[in-house]
Amino acid sequence: MIQEVVGVDLPVGVKGAGPYFNARATRLGLKGLSLKAPQPLAAGQALRLTIFLRGEPLEIIGHVVSGEAESSPGQAPAVEVAFDALSEEQSVVLEGFILASRTEGPRSAHS
């Protein structure tokens, strides 16, 4: 079974302890994702994520498992986020996206 796709460029809304902000997912899998976030996020921080796939947005809860303490100038910090338990519907949507991405190659949500 295919577990993840790398090289994606998906918009993600992020709500943590502070205000809502937008980030970009660069890897997406059934267990989590990698984000380029405009601000650093602390390991262990709980997040509500809105992943903007084709069709309707997918709402997922997760937590930060690691992140860069600092990023290069002009680059957003990289953050690894693990998903909390996914519902069957969330898993099906993610599996569909991953399989489609594998057969079509890298793409963004707006291609």
PDB file of N, CA and C in Angstrom:
ATOM      1  N   MET A   1       0.846  -1.183   0.000  1.00  0.00           N
ATOM      2  CA  MET A   1       0.000   0.000   0.000  1.00  0.00           C
ATOM      3  C   MET A   1       0.888   1.240   0.000  1.00  0.00           C
ATOM      4  N   ILE A   2       0.538   2.205  -0.789  1.00  0.00           N
ATOM      5  CA  ILE A   2       1.269   3.460  -0.870  1.00  0.00           C
ATOM      6  C   ILE A   2       0.895   4.315   0.335  1.00  0.00           C
ATOM      7  N   GLN A   3       1.888   4.764   1.078  1.00  0.00           N
ATOM      8  CA  GLN A   3       1.631   5.497   2.311  1.00  0.00           C
ATOM      9  C   GLN A   3       1.744   7.007   2.188  1.00  0.00           C
ATOM     10  N   GLU A   4       2.539   7.517   1.226  1.00  0.00           N
ATOM     11  CA  GLU A   4       2.712   8.965   1.129  1.00  0.00           C
ATOM     12  C   GLU A   4       3.153   9.379  -0.256  1.00  0.00           C
ATOM     13  N   VAL A   5       3.069  10.674  -0.501  1.00  0.00           N
ATOM     14  CA  VAL A   5       3.544  11.263  -1.742  1.00  0.00           C
ATOM     15  C   VAL A   5       4.393  12.478  -1.364  1.00  0.00           C
ATOM     16  N   VAL A   6       5.550  12.579  -2.003  1.00  0.00           N
ATOM     17  CA  VAL A   6       6.430  13.719  -1.765  1.00  0.00           C
ATOM     18  C   VAL A   6       6.378  14.633  -2.981  1.00  0.00           C
ATOM     19  N   GLY A   7       6.848  15.842  -2.809  1.00  0.00           N
ATOM     20  CA  GLY A   7       6.857  16.780  -3.924  1.00  0.00           C
ATOM     21  C   GLY A   7       5.510  17.411  -4.195  1.00  0.00           C
ATOM     22  N   VAL A   8       4.622  17.396  -3.219  1.00  0.00           N
ATOM     23  CA  VAL A   8       3.335  18.074  -3.397  1.00  0.00           C
ATOM     24  C   VAL A   8       3.503  19.546  -3.025  1.00  0.00           C
ATOM     25  N   ASP A   9       2.549  20.333  -3.411  1.00  0.00           N
ATOM     26  CA  ASP A   9       2.511  21.753  -3.046  1.00  0.00           C
ATOM     27  C   ASP A   9       1.051  22.089  -2.777  1.00  0.00           C
ATOM     28  N   LEU A  10       0.628  21.810  -1.546  1.00  0.00           N
ATOM     29  CA  LEU A  10      -0.776  21.983  -1.177  1.00  0.00           C
ATOM     30  C   LEU A  10      -0.930  23.081  -0.141  1.00  0.00           C
ATOM     31  N   PRO A  11      -1.930  23.941  -0.317  1.00  0.00           N
ATOM     32  CA  PRO A  11      -2.208  24.924   0.730  1.00  0.00           C
ATOM     33  C   PRO A  11      -2.840  24.249   1.938  1.00  0.00           C
ATOM     34  N   VAL A  12      -2.398  24.685   3.122  1.00  0.00           N
ATOM     35  CA  VAL A  12      -2.896  24.126   4.374  1.00  0.00           C
ATOM     36  C   VAL A  12      -3.168  25.277   5.338  1.00  0.00           C
ATOM     37  N   GLY A  13      -4.378  25.315   5.885  1.00  0.00           N
ATOM     38  CA  GLY A  13      -4.689  26.258   6.947  1.00  0.00           C
ATOM     39  C   GLY A  13      -4.310  25.627   8.271  1.00  0.00           C
ATOM     40  N   VAL A  14      -3.658  26.394   9.132  1.00  0.00           N
ATOM     41  CA  VAL A  14      -3.152  25.852  10.391  1.00  0.00           C
ATOM     42  C   VAL A  14      -3.676  26.682  11.552  1.00  0.00           C
ATOM     43  N   LYS A  15      -4.258  26.001  12.524  1.00  0.00           N
ATOM     44  CA  LYS A  15      -4.706  26.656  13.758  1.00  0.00           C
ATOM     45  C   LYS A  15      -4.030  25.939  14.907  1.00  0.00           C
ATOM     46  N   GLY A  16      -3.186  26.668  15.616  1.00  0.00           N
ATOM     47  CA  GLY A  16      -2.502  26.139  16.788  1.00  0.00           C
ATOM     48  C   GLY A  16      -2.869  26.977  17.986  1.00  0.00           C
ATOM     49  N   ALA A  17      -1.878  27.246  18.830  1.00  0.00           N
ATOM     50  CA  ALA A  17      -2.107  28.053  20.027  1.00  0.00           C
ATOM     51  C   ALA A  17      -2.353  29.517  19.679  1.00  0.00           C
ATOM     52  N   GLY A  18      -1.801  29.976  18.569  1.00  0.00           N
ATOM     53  CA  GLY A  18      -1.952  31.366  18.156  1.00  0.00           C
ATOM     54  C   GLY A  18      -2.993  31.520  17.070  1.00  0.00           C
ATOM     55  N   PRO A  19      -2.903  32.597  16.315  1.00  0.00           N
ATOM     56  CA  PRO A  19      -3.875  32.838  15.240  1.00  0.00           C
ATOM     57  C   PRO A  19      -3.718  31.857  14.076  1.00  0.00           C
ATOM     58  N   TYR A  20      -4.782  31.706  13.345  1.00  0.00           N
ATOM     59  CA  TYR A  20      -4.818  30.881  12.141  1.00  0.00           C
ATOM     60  C   TYR A  20      -3.815  31.438  11.135  1.00  0.00           C
ATOM     61  N   PHE A  21      -3.096  30.561  10.421  1.00  0.00           N
ATOM     62  CA  PHE A  21      -2.204  31.024   9.359  1.00  0.00           C
ATOM     63  C   PHE A  21      -2.174  29.991   8.246  1.00  0.00           C
ATOM     64  N   ASN A  22      -1.641  30.386   7.105  1.00  0.00           N
ATOM     65  CA  ASN A  22      -1.540  29.508   5.945  1.00  0.00           C
ATOM     66  C   ASN A  22      -0.126  28.974   5.809  1.00  0.00           C
ATOM     67  N   ALA A  23      -0.015  27.726   5.379  1.00  0.00           N
ATOM     68  CA  ALA A  23       1.268  27.072   5.153  1.00  0.00           C
ATOM     69  C   ALA A  23       1.153  26.248   3.872  1.00  0.00           C
ATOM     70  N   ARG A  24       2.247  25.590   3.488  1.00  0.00           N
ATOM     71  CA  ARG A  24       2.256  24.734   2.305  1.00  0.00           C
ATOM     72  C   ARG A  24       2.750  23.348   2.702  1.00  0.00           C
ATOM     73  N   ALA A  25       2.018  22.317   2.294  1.00  0.00           N
ATOM     74  CA  ALA A  25       2.455  20.936   2.520  1.00  0.00           C
ATOM     75  C   ALA A  25       3.377  20.528   1.380  1.00  0.00           C
ATOM     76  N   THR A  26       4.510  19.915   1.723  1.00  0.00           N
ATOM     77  CA  THR A  26       5.457  19.441   0.718  1.00  0.00           C
ATOM     78  C   THR A  26       5.500  17.913   0.648  1.00  0.00           C
ATOM     79  N   ARG A  27       4.966  17.259   1.670  1.00  0.00           N
ATOM     80  CA  ARG A  27       4.823  15.802   1.717  1.00  0.00           C
ATOM     81  C   ARG A  27       3.510  15.518   2.419  1.00  0.00           C
ATOM     82  N   LEU A  28       2.769  14.537   1.911  1.00  0.00           N
ATOM     83  CA  LEU A  28       1.490  14.192   2.509  1.00  0.00           C
ATOM     84  C   LEU A  28       1.353  12.683   2.541  1.00  0.00           C
ATOM     85  N   GLY A  29       1.017  12.159   3.712  1.00  0.00           N
ATOM     86  CA  GLY A  29       0.844  10.725   3.861  1.00  0.00           C
ATOM     87  C   GLY A  29      -0.324  10.411   4.764  1.00  0.00           C
ATOM     88  N   LEU A  30      -0.524   9.131   5.026  1.00  0.00           N
ATOM     89  CA  LEU A  30      -1.624   8.704   5.884  1.00  0.00           C
ATOM     90  C   LEU A  30      -1.313   8.933   7.357  1.00  0.00           C
ATOM     91  N   LYS A  31      -0.056   9.121   7.677  1.00  0.00           N
ATOM     92  CA  LYS A  31       0.331   9.312   9.075  1.00  0.00           C
ATOM     93  C   LYS A  31       0.676  10.762   9.408  1.00  0.00           C
ATOM     94  N   GLY A  32       0.897  11.599   8.364  1.00  0.00           N
ATOM     95  CA  GLY A  32       1.250  12.984   8.644  1.00  0.00           C
ATOM     96  C   GLY A  32       1.691  13.715   7.395  1.00  0.00           C
ATOM     97  N   LEU A  33       2.262  14.900   7.610  1.00  0.00           N
ATOM     98  CA  LEU A  33       2.712  15.716   6.494  1.00  0.00           C
ATOM     99  C   LEU A  33       3.889  16.577   6.906  1.00  0.00           C
ATOM    100  N   SER A  34       4.562  17.125   5.896  1.00  0.00           N
ATOM    101  CA  SER A  34       5.620  18.103   6.101  1.00  0.00           C
ATOM    102  C   SER A  34       5.078  19.442   5.649  1.00  0.00           C
ATOM    103  N   LEU A  35       5.313  20.455   6.457  1.00  0.00           N
ATOM    104  CA  LEU A  35       4.841  21.803   6.161  1.00  0.00           C
ATOM    105  C   LEU A  35       5.993  22.774   6.025  1.00  0.00           C
ATOM    106  N   LYS A  36       5.825  23.739   5.153  1.00  0.00           N
ATOM    107  CA  LYS A  36       6.648  24.937   5.144  1.00  0.00           C
ATOM    108  C   LYS A  36       5.748  25.997   5.752  1.00  0.00           C
ATOM    109  N   ALA A  37       6.055  26.379   6.979  1.00  0.00           N
ATOM    110  CA  ALA A  37       5.203  27.298   7.736  1.00  0.00           C
ATOM    111  C   ALA A  37       5.873  28.666   7.836  1.00  0.00           C
ATOM    112  N   PRO A  38       5.092  29.734   7.865  1.00  0.00           N
ATOM    113  CA  PRO A  38       5.665  31.078   7.959  1.00  0.00           C
ATOM    114  C   PRO A  38       6.186  31.408   9.360  1.00  0.00           C
ATOM    115  N   GLN A  39       5.981  30.511  10.296  1.00  0.00           N
ATOM    116  CA  GLN A  39       6.446  30.729  11.659  1.00  0.00           C
ATOM    117  C   GLN A  39       6.844  29.394  12.266  1.00  0.00           C
ATOM    118  N   PRO A  40       7.776  29.400  13.224  1.00  0.00           N
ATOM    119  CA  PRO A  40       8.161  28.140  13.860  1.00  0.00           C
ATOM    120  C   PRO A  40       7.034  27.599  14.735  1.00  0.00           C
ATOM    121  N   LEU A  41       6.973  26.287  14.832  1.00  0.00           N
ATOM    122  CA  LEU A  41       5.997  25.612  15.684  1.00  0.00           C
ATOM    123  C   LEU A  41       6.748  24.684  16.624  1.00  0.00           C
ATOM    124  N   ALA A  42       6.341  24.648  17.870  1.00  0.00           N
ATOM    125  CA  ALA A  42       7.026  23.854  18.888  1.00  0.00           C
ATOM    126  C   ALA A  42       6.638  22.385  18.809  1.00  0.00           C
ATOM    127  N   ALA A  43       7.617  21.512  19.031  1.00  0.00           N
ATOM    128  CA  ALA A  43       7.343  20.074  19.091  1.00  0.00           C
ATOM    129  C   ALA A  43       6.304  19.811  20.169  1.00  0.00           C
ATOM    130  N   GLY A  44       5.351  18.953  19.843  1.00  0.00           N
ATOM    131  CA  GLY A  44       4.283  18.610  20.769  1.00  0.00           C
ATOM    132  C   GLY A  44       3.049  19.488  20.643  1.00  0.00           C
ATOM    133  N   GLN A  45       3.155  20.609  19.943  1.00  0.00           N
ATOM    134  CA  GLN A  45       2.021  21.530  19.809  1.00  0.00           C
ATOM    135  C   GLN A  45       0.889  20.878  19.020  1.00  0.00           C
ATOM    136  N   ALA A  46      -0.324  20.958  19.554  1.00  0.00           N
ATOM    137  CA  ALA A  46      -1.512  20.435  18.874  1.00  0.00           C
ATOM    138  C   ALA A  46      -1.939  21.410  17.787  1.00  0.00           C
ATOM    139  N   LEU A  47      -2.395  20.858  16.647  1.00  0.00           N
ATOM    140  CA  LEU A  47      -2.811  21.681  15.509  1.00  0.00           C
ATOM    141  C   LEU A  47      -4.118  21.173  14.925  1.00  0.00           C
ATOM    142  N   ARG A  48      -4.895  22.104  14.407  1.00  0.00           N
ATOM    143  CA  ARG A  48      -6.036  21.779  13.553  1.00  0.00           C
ATOM    144  C   ARG A  48      -5.613  22.180  12.150  1.00  0.00           C
ATOM    145  N   LEU A  49      -5.675  21.232  11.227  1.00  0.00           N
ATOM    146  CA  LEU A  49      -5.224  21.470   9.860  1.00  0.00           C
ATOM    147  C   LEU A  49      -6.399  21.406   8.894  1.00  0.00           C
ATOM    148  N   THR A  50      -6.403  22.313   7.956  1.00  0.00           N
ATOM    149  CA  THR A  50      -7.348  22.259   6.843  1.00  0.00           C
ATOM    150  C   THR A  50      -6.507  22.088   5.589  1.00  0.00           C
ATOM    151  N   ILE A  51      -6.547  20.884   5.019  1.00  0.00           N
ATOM    152  CA  ILE A  51      -5.773  20.579   3.816  1.00  0.00           C
ATOM    153  C   ILE A  51      -6.688  20.819   2.623  1.00  0.00           C
ATOM    154  N   PHE A  52      -6.260  21.721   1.749  1.00  0.00           N
ATOM    155  CA  PHE A  52      -7.100  22.093   0.615  1.00  0.00           C
ATOM    156  C   PHE A  52      -6.774  21.220  -0.590  1.00  0.00           C
ATOM    157  N   LEU A  53      -7.464  20.073  -0.658  1.00  0.00           N
ATOM    158  CA  LEU A  53      -7.359  19.161  -1.787  1.00  0.00           C
ATOM    159  C   LEU A  53      -8.389  19.581  -2.827  1.00  0.00           C
ATOM    160  N   ARG A  54      -8.362  18.929  -3.970  1.00  0.00           N
ATOM    161  CA  ARG A  54      -9.426  19.182  -4.959  1.00  0.00           C
ATOM    162  C   ARG A  54     -10.759  18.826  -4.331  1.00  0.00           C
ATOM    163  N   GLY A  55     -11.760  19.587  -4.623  1.00  0.00           N
ATOM    164  CA  GLY A  55     -13.059  19.338  -4.009  1.00  0.00           C
ATOM    165  C   GLY A  55     -13.135  20.070  -2.688  1.00  0.00           C
ATOM    166  N   GLU A  56     -13.535  19.369  -1.652  1.00  0.00           N
ATOM    167  CA  GLU A  56     -13.710  20.000  -0.350  1.00  0.00           C
ATOM    168  C   GLU A  56     -12.445  19.924   0.492  1.00  0.00           C
ATOM    169  N   PRO A  57     -12.260  20.894   1.371  1.00  0.00           N
ATOM    170  CA  PRO A  57     -11.115  20.836   2.283  1.00  0.00           C
ATOM    171  C   PRO A  57     -11.248  19.665   3.249  1.00  0.00           C
ATOM    172  N   LEU A  58     -10.114  19.136   3.676  1.00  0.00           N
ATOM    173  CA  LEU A  58     -10.071  18.022   4.607  1.00  0.00           C
ATOM    174  C   LEU A  58      -9.575  18.540   5.950  1.00  0.00           C
ATOM    175  N   GLU A  59     -10.390  18.385   6.979  1.00  0.00           N
ATOM    176  CA  GLU A  59     -10.054  18.846   8.333  1.00  0.00           C
ATOM    177  C   GLU A  59      -9.426  17.700   9.112  1.00  0.00           C
ATOM    178  N   ILE A  60      -8.221  17.925   9.658  1.00  0.00           N
ATOM    179  CA  ILE A  60      -7.498  16.891  10.390  1.00  0.00           C
ATOM    180  C   ILE A  60      -6.877  17.509  11.641  1.00  0.00           C
ATOM    181  N   ILE A  61      -6.806  16.727  12.698  1.00  0.00           N
ATOM    182  CA  ILE A  61      -6.139  17.150  13.922  1.00  0.00           C
ATOM    183  C   ILE A  61      -4.814  16.401  14.015  1.00  0.00           C
ATOM    184  N   GLY A  62      -3.770  17.108  14.437  1.00  0.00           N
ATOM    185  CA  GLY A  62      -2.466  16.488  14.568  1.00  0.00           C
ATOM    186  C   GLY A  62      -1.620  17.236  15.569  1.00  0.00           C
ATOM    187  N   HIS A  63      -0.349  16.877  15.598  1.00  0.00           N
ATOM    188  CA  HIS A  63       0.590  17.551  16.493  1.00  0.00           C
ATOM    189  C   HIS A  63       1.976  17.584  15.859  1.00  0.00           C
ATOM    190  N   VAL A  64       2.737  18.606  16.205  1.00  0.00           N
ATOM    191  CA  VAL A  64       4.084  18.788  15.674  1.00  0.00           C
ATOM    192  C   VAL A  64       5.001  17.753  16.303  1.00  0.00           C
ATOM    193  N   VAL A  65       5.737  17.019  15.458  1.00  0.00           N
ATOM    194  CA  VAL A  65       6.692  16.050  15.978  1.00  0.00           C
ATOM    195  C   VAL A  65       8.124  16.553  15.862  1.00  0.00           C
ATOM    196  N   SER A  66       8.385  17.455  14.933  1.00  0.00           N
ATOM    197  CA  SER A  66       9.705  18.072  14.822  1.00  0.00           C
ATOM    198  C   SER A  66       9.617  19.294  13.929  1.00  0.00           C
ATOM    199  N   GLY A  67      10.590  20.152  14.089  1.00  0.00           N
ATOM    200  CA  GLY A  67      10.637  21.350  13.267  1.00  0.00           C
ATOM    201  C   GLY A  67      12.005  21.973  13.331  1.00  0.00           C
ATOM    202  N   GLU A  68      12.319  22.780  12.322  1.00  0.00           N
ATOM    203  CA  GLU A  68      13.581  23.500  12.298  1.00  0.00           C
ATOM    204  C   GLU A  68      13.519  24.624  13.313  1.00  0.00           C
ATOM    205  N   ALA A  69      14.562  24.778  14.082  1.00  0.00           N
ATOM    206  CA  ALA A  69      14.624  25.879  15.036  1.00  0.00           C
ATOM    207  C   ALA A  69      14.704  27.206  14.287  1.00  0.00           C
ATOM    208  N   GLU A  70      15.467  27.228  13.209  1.00  0.00           N
ATOM    209  CA  GLU A  70      15.587  28.427  12.383  1.00  0.00           C
ATOM    210  C   GLU A  70      15.602  27.994  10.934  1.00  0.00           C
ATOM    211  N   SER A  71      15.172  28.891  10.065  1.00  0.00           N
ATOM    212  CA  SER A  71      15.183  28.583   8.647  1.00  0.00           C
ATOM    213  C   SER A  71      16.172  29.504   7.950  1.00  0.00           C
ATOM    214  N   SER A  72      16.492  29.177   6.722  1.00  0.00           N
ATOM    215  CA  SER A  72      17.360  30.021   5.927  1.00  0.00           C
ATOM    216  C   SER A  72      16.616  31.309   5.592  1.00  0.00           C
ATOM    217  N   PRO A  73      17.343  32.408   5.398  1.00  0.00           N
ATOM    218  CA  PRO A  73      16.666  33.658   5.031  1.00  0.00           C
ATOM    219  C   PRO A  73      15.809  33.465   3.777  1.00  0.00           C
ATOM    220  N   GLY A  74      14.581  33.913   3.846  1.00  0.00           N
ATOM    221  CA  GLY A  74      13.660  33.781   2.721  1.00  0.00           C
ATOM    222  C   GLY A  74      12.985  32.428   2.613  1.00  0.00           C
ATOM    223  N   GLN A  75      13.326  31.483   3.477  1.00  0.00           N
ATOM    224  CA  GLN A  75      12.728  30.158   3.463  1.00  0.00           C
ATOM    225  C   GLN A  75      11.862  29.960   4.702  1.00  0.00           C
ATOM    226  N   ALA A  76      10.707  29.350   4.518  1.00  0.00           N
ATOM    227  CA  ALA A  76       9.828  29.042   5.646  1.00  0.00           C
ATOM    228  C   ALA A  76      10.382  27.838   6.406  1.00  0.00           C
ATOM    229  N   PRO A  77      10.239  27.829   7.746  1.00  0.00           N
ATOM    230  CA  PRO A  77      10.709  26.663   8.513  1.00  0.00           C
ATOM    231  C   PRO A  77       9.961  25.389   8.117  1.00  0.00           C
ATOM    232  N   ALA A  78      10.673  24.266   8.099  1.00  0.00           N
ATOM    233  CA  ALA A  78      10.059  22.966   7.815  1.00  0.00           C
ATOM    234  C   ALA A  78       9.564  22.368   9.121  1.00  0.00           C
ATOM    235  N   VAL A  79       8.357  21.828   9.091  1.00  0.00           N
ATOM    236  CA  VAL A  79       7.726  21.253  10.275  1.00  0.00           C
ATOM    237  C   VAL A  79       7.143  19.902   9.892  1.00  0.00           C
ATOM    238  N   GLU A  80       7.375  18.894  10.739  1.00  0.00           N
ATOM    239  CA  GLU A  80       6.777  17.580  10.548  1.00  0.00           C
ATOM    240  C   GLU A  80       5.588  17.464  11.491  1.00  0.00           C
ATOM    241  N   VAL A  81       4.447  17.085  10.943  1.00  0.00           N
ATOM    242  CA  VAL A  81       3.218  16.964  11.724  1.00  0.00           C
ATOM    243  C   VAL A  81       2.693  15.546  11.606  1.00  0.00           C
ATOM    244  N   ALA A  82       2.404  14.918  12.746  1.00  0.00           N
ATOM    245  CA  ALA A  82       1.783  13.593  12.777  1.00  0.00           C
ATOM    246  C   ALA A  82       0.288  13.780  12.991  1.00  0.00           C
ATOM    247  N   PHE A  83      -0.503  13.024  12.244  1.00  0.00           N
ATOM    248  CA  PHE A  83      -1.951  13.087  12.411  1.00  0.00           C
ATOM    249  C   PHE A  83      -2.379  12.285  13.621  1.00  0.00           C
ATOM    250  N   ASP A  84      -3.407  12.775  14.317  1.00  0.00           N
ATOM    251  CA  ASP A  84      -4.074  11.970  15.322  1.00  0.00           C
ATOM    252  C   ASP A  84      -4.895  10.939  14.540  1.00  0.00           C
ATOM    253  N   ALA A  85      -5.588  10.061  15.202  1.00  0.00           N
ATOM    254  CA  ALA A  85      -6.347   9.010  14.524  1.00  0.00           C
ATOM    255  C   ALA A  85      -7.271   9.597  13.451  1.00  0.00           C
ATOM    256  N   LEU A  86      -7.176   9.045  12.238  1.00  0.00           N
ATOM    257  CA  LEU A  86      -8.020   9.490  11.127  1.00  0.00           C
ATOM    258  C   LEU A  86      -9.306   8.688  11.094  1.00  0.00           C
ATOM    259  N   SER A  87     -10.379   9.350  10.684  1.00  0.00           N
ATOM    260  CA  SER A  87     -11.625   8.625  10.469  1.00  0.00           C
ATOM    261  C   SER A  87     -11.490   7.819   9.179  1.00  0.00           C
ATOM    262  N   GLU A  88     -12.400   6.906   8.961  1.00  0.00           N
ATOM    263  CA  GLU A  88     -12.377   6.113   7.731  1.00  0.00           C
ATOM    264  C   GLU A  88     -12.508   7.021   6.508  1.00  0.00           C
ATOM    265  N   GLU A  89     -13.376   8.024   6.592  1.00  0.00           N
ATOM    266  CA  GLU A  89     -13.575   8.952   5.478  1.00  0.00           C
ATOM    267  C   GLU A  89     -12.298   9.733   5.180  1.00  0.00           C
ATOM    268  N   GLN A  90     -11.617  10.219   6.218  1.00  0.00           N
ATOM    269  CA  GLN A  90     -10.365  10.952   6.022  1.00  0.00           C
ATOM    270  C   GLN A  90      -9.314  10.058   5.370  1.00  0.00           C
ATOM    271  N   SER A  91      -9.218   8.812   5.829  1.00  0.00           N
ATOM    272  CA  SER A  91      -8.252   7.867   5.261  1.00  0.00           C
ATOM    273  C   SER A  91      -8.535   7.607   3.790  1.00  0.00           C
ATOM    274  N   VAL A  92      -9.798   7.437   3.439  1.00  0.00           N
ATOM    275  CA  VAL A  92     -10.173   7.180   2.047  1.00  0.00           C
ATOM    276  C   VAL A  92      -9.813   8.373   1.168  1.00  0.00           C
ATOM    277  N   VAL A  93     -10.092   9.584   1.638  1.00  0.00           N
ATOM    278  CA  VAL A  93      -9.773  10.787   0.861  1.00  0.00           C
ATOM    279  C   VAL A  93      -8.268  10.899   0.658  1.00  0.00           C
ATOM    280  N   LEU A  94      -7.495  10.710   1.721  1.00  0.00           N
ATOM    281  CA  LEU A  94      -6.040  10.796   1.606  1.00  0.00           C
ATOM    282  C   LEU A  94      -5.475   9.705   0.701  1.00  0.00           C
ATOM    283  N   GLU A  95      -5.963   8.474   0.843  1.00  0.00           N
ATOM    284  CA  GLU A  95      -5.500   7.387  -0.019  1.00  0.00           C
ATOM    285  C   GLU A  95      -5.788   7.696  -1.484  1.00  0.00           C
ATOM    286  N   GLY A  96      -6.966   8.229  -1.758  1.00  0.00           N
ATOM    287  CA  GLY A  96      -7.319   8.597  -3.131  1.00  0.00           C
ATOM    288  C   GLY A  96      -6.388   9.652  -3.687  1.00  0.00           C
ATOM    289  N   PHE A  97      -6.082  10.665  -2.887  1.00  0.00           N
ATOM    290  CA  PHE A  97      -5.174  11.721  -3.330  1.00  0.00           C
ATOM    291  C   PHE A  97      -3.775  11.157  -3.574  1.00  0.00           C
ATOM    292  N   ILE A  98      -3.297  10.339  -2.660  1.00  0.00           N
ATOM    293  CA  ILE A  98      -1.956   9.762  -2.787  1.00  0.00           C
ATOM    294  C   ILE A  98      -1.858   8.893  -4.037  1.00  0.00           C
ATOM    295  N   LEU A  99      -2.848   8.035  -4.252  1.00  0.00           N
ATOM    296  CA  LEU A  99      -2.834   7.180  -5.447  1.00  0.00           C
ATOM    297  C   LEU A  99      -2.900   8.007  -6.722  1.00  0.00           C
ATOM    298  N   ALA A 100      -3.741   9.025  -6.753  1.00  0.00           N
ATOM    299  CA  ALA A 100      -3.838   9.884  -7.934  1.00  0.00           C
ATOM    300  C   ALA A 100      -2.523  10.615  -8.174  1.00  0.00           C
ATOM    301  N   SER A 101      -1.892  11.076  -7.114  1.00  0.00           N
ATOM    302  CA  SER A 101      -0.616  11.782  -7.240  1.00  0.00           C
ATOM    303  C   SER A 101       0.480  10.866  -7.758  1.00  0.00           C
ATOM    304  N   ARG A 102       0.466   9.619  -7.327  1.00  0.00           N
ATOM    305  CA  ARG A 102       1.465   8.655  -7.783  1.00  0.00           C
ATOM    306  C   ARG A 102       1.317   8.370  -9.271  1.00  0.00           C
ATOM    307  N   THR A 103       0.082   8.325  -9.769  1.00  0.00           N
ATOM    308  CA  THR A 103      -0.125   8.009 -11.181  1.00  0.00           C
ATOM    309  C   THR A 103       0.037   9.228 -12.071  1.00  0.00           C
ATOM    310  N   GLU A 104      -0.233  10.430 -11.535  1.00  0.00           N
ATOM    311  CA  GLU A 104      -0.143  11.651 -12.336  1.00  0.00           C
ATOM    312  C   GLU A 104       1.172  12.381 -12.157  1.00  0.00           C
ATOM    313  N   GLY A 105       1.961  12.056 -11.127  1.00  0.00           N
ATOM    314  CA  GLY A 105       3.199  12.778 -10.856  1.00  0.00           C
ATOM    315  C   GLY A 105       2.934  13.963  -9.968  1.00  0.00           C
ATOM    316  N   PRO A 106       3.990  14.750  -9.634  1.00  0.00           N
ATOM    317  CA  PRO A 106       3.834  15.908  -8.731  1.00  0.00           C
ATOM    318  C   PRO A 106       2.854  16.922  -9.288  1.00  0.00           C
ATOM    319  N   ARG A 107       2.090  17.515  -8.372  1.00  0.00           N
ATOM    320  CA  ARG A 107       1.109  18.530  -8.761  1.00  0.00           C
ATOM    321  C   ARG A 107       0.711  19.331  -7.544  1.00  0.00           C
ATOM    322  N   SER A 108       0.024  20.399  -7.801  1.00  0.00           N
ATOM    323  CA  SER A 108      -0.518  21.174  -6.695  1.00  0.00           C
ATOM    324  C   SER A 108      -2.018  20.945  -6.678  1.00  0.00           C
ATOM    325  N   ALA A 109      -2.663  21.451  -5.671  1.00  0.00           N
ATOM    326  CA  ALA A 109      -4.109  21.277  -5.546  1.00  0.00           C
ATOM    327  C   ALA A 109      -4.853  22.049  -6.622  1.00  0.00           C
ATOM    328  N   HIS A 110      -4.184  23.005  -7.240  1.00  0.00           N
ATOM    329  CA  HIS A 110      -4.863  23.869  -8.210  1.00  0.00           C
ATOM    330  C   HIS A 110      -4.489  23.551  -9.644  1.00  0.00           C
ATOM    331  N   SER A 111      -3.843  22.392  -9.924  1.00  0.00           N
ATOM    332  CA  SER A 111      -3.491  22.097 -11.305  1.00  0.00           C
ATOM    333  C   SER A 111      -4.646  21.525 -12.067  1.00  0.00           C
TER     334      SER A 111
END
